[in-house]
Amino acid sequence: LAVVSLFISTAMFAYLKPPSISSPSLELAVSVLYSVVPPAVNPLIYSMRNQELKDSLRKLSNGSC
């Protein structure tokens, strides 16, 4: 759901923004968000489904090792 919403929000921003705020650096930032961030975040999202990893992160956040 997070990756899908990221795809949709960047696409909506790219196609629905007014032409007055168009700049090459903004276009570059949107294209990087659209093409790099979701594949980079996907392994993190799918690893959070792993119960062993969840337990380890919970222990780490509680401060007990």
Protein backbone atom coordinates (compact mmCIF):
# COMPACT_ATOMS: atom_id res chain seq x y z
CA LEU A 1 0.00 0.00 0.00
CA ALA A 2 2.86 2.38 0.77
CA VAL A 3 4.57 1.77 -2.56
CA VAL A 4 1.33 2.09 -4.51
CA SER A 5 0.46 5.36 -2.78
CA LEU A 6 3.97 6.67 -3.51
CA PHE A 7 3.57 5.81 -7.20
CA ILE A 8 0.15 7.45 -7.37
CA SER A 9 1.12 10.59 -5.47
CA THR A 10 4.24 11.27 -7.54
CA ALA A 11 2.36 10.63 -10.78
CA MET A 12 -0.45 12.95 -9.71
CA PHE A 13 2.04 15.64 -8.76
CA ALA A 14 3.90 15.29 -12.05
CA TYR A 15 0.81 15.52 -14.24
CA LEU A 16 -1.48 17.83 -12.24
CA LYS A 17 0.93 20.53 -11.12
CA PRO A 18 0.49 23.97 -12.66
CA PRO A 19 3.01 24.93 -15.35
CA SER A 20 4.01 28.00 -13.35
CA ILE A 21 5.94 25.89 -10.81
CA SER A 22 7.72 23.80 -13.43
CA SER A 23 11.49 23.67 -13.14
CA PRO A 24 14.11 21.14 -14.27
CA SER A 25 15.25 20.41 -10.73
CA LEU A 26 11.68 19.74 -9.60
CA GLU A 27 11.15 17.43 -12.57
CA LEU A 28 14.33 15.58 -11.66
CA ALA A 29 13.26 15.20 -8.03
CA VAL A 30 9.86 13.82 -9.04
CA SER A 31 11.38 11.37 -11.50
CA VAL A 32 13.87 10.15 -8.89
CA LEU A 33 11.08 9.69 -6.37
CA TYR A 34 9.03 7.82 -8.95
CA SER A 35 11.77 5.50 -10.18
CA VAL A 36 14.24 4.97 -7.33
CA VAL A 37 12.41 5.17 -4.02
CA PRO A 38 9.74 2.43 -4.45
CA PRO A 39 12.19 -0.30 -5.51
CA ALA A 40 14.50 0.72 -2.67
CA VAL A 41 11.69 0.64 -0.10
CA ASN A 42 10.15 -2.63 -1.33
CA PRO A 43 12.63 -4.97 0.43
CA LEU A 44 12.10 -3.10 3.69
CA ILE A 45 8.33 -3.37 3.39
CA TYR A 46 8.39 -7.07 2.57
CA SER A 47 10.91 -7.82 5.29
CA MET A 48 8.56 -6.27 7.83
CA ARG A 49 6.24 -9.20 7.15
CA ASN A 50 8.89 -11.47 8.66
CA GLN A 51 7.99 -12.10 12.31
CA GLU A 52 11.60 -12.75 13.31
CA LEU A 53 12.64 -9.33 12.02
CA LYS A 54 9.69 -7.66 13.75
CA ASP A 55 10.68 -9.23 17.06
CA SER A 56 14.30 -8.13 16.63
CA LEU A 57 13.29 -4.54 15.85
CA ARG A 58 10.93 -4.51 18.81
CA LYS A 59 13.75 -5.67 21.12
CA LEU A 60 16.09 -3.08 19.66
CA SER A 61 13.59 -0.25 20.15
CA ASN A 62 12.91 -1.31 23.75
CA GLY A 63 16.62 -1.27 24.53
CA SER A 64 16.93 -4.90 25.58
CA CYS A 65 19.50 -6.98 23.74
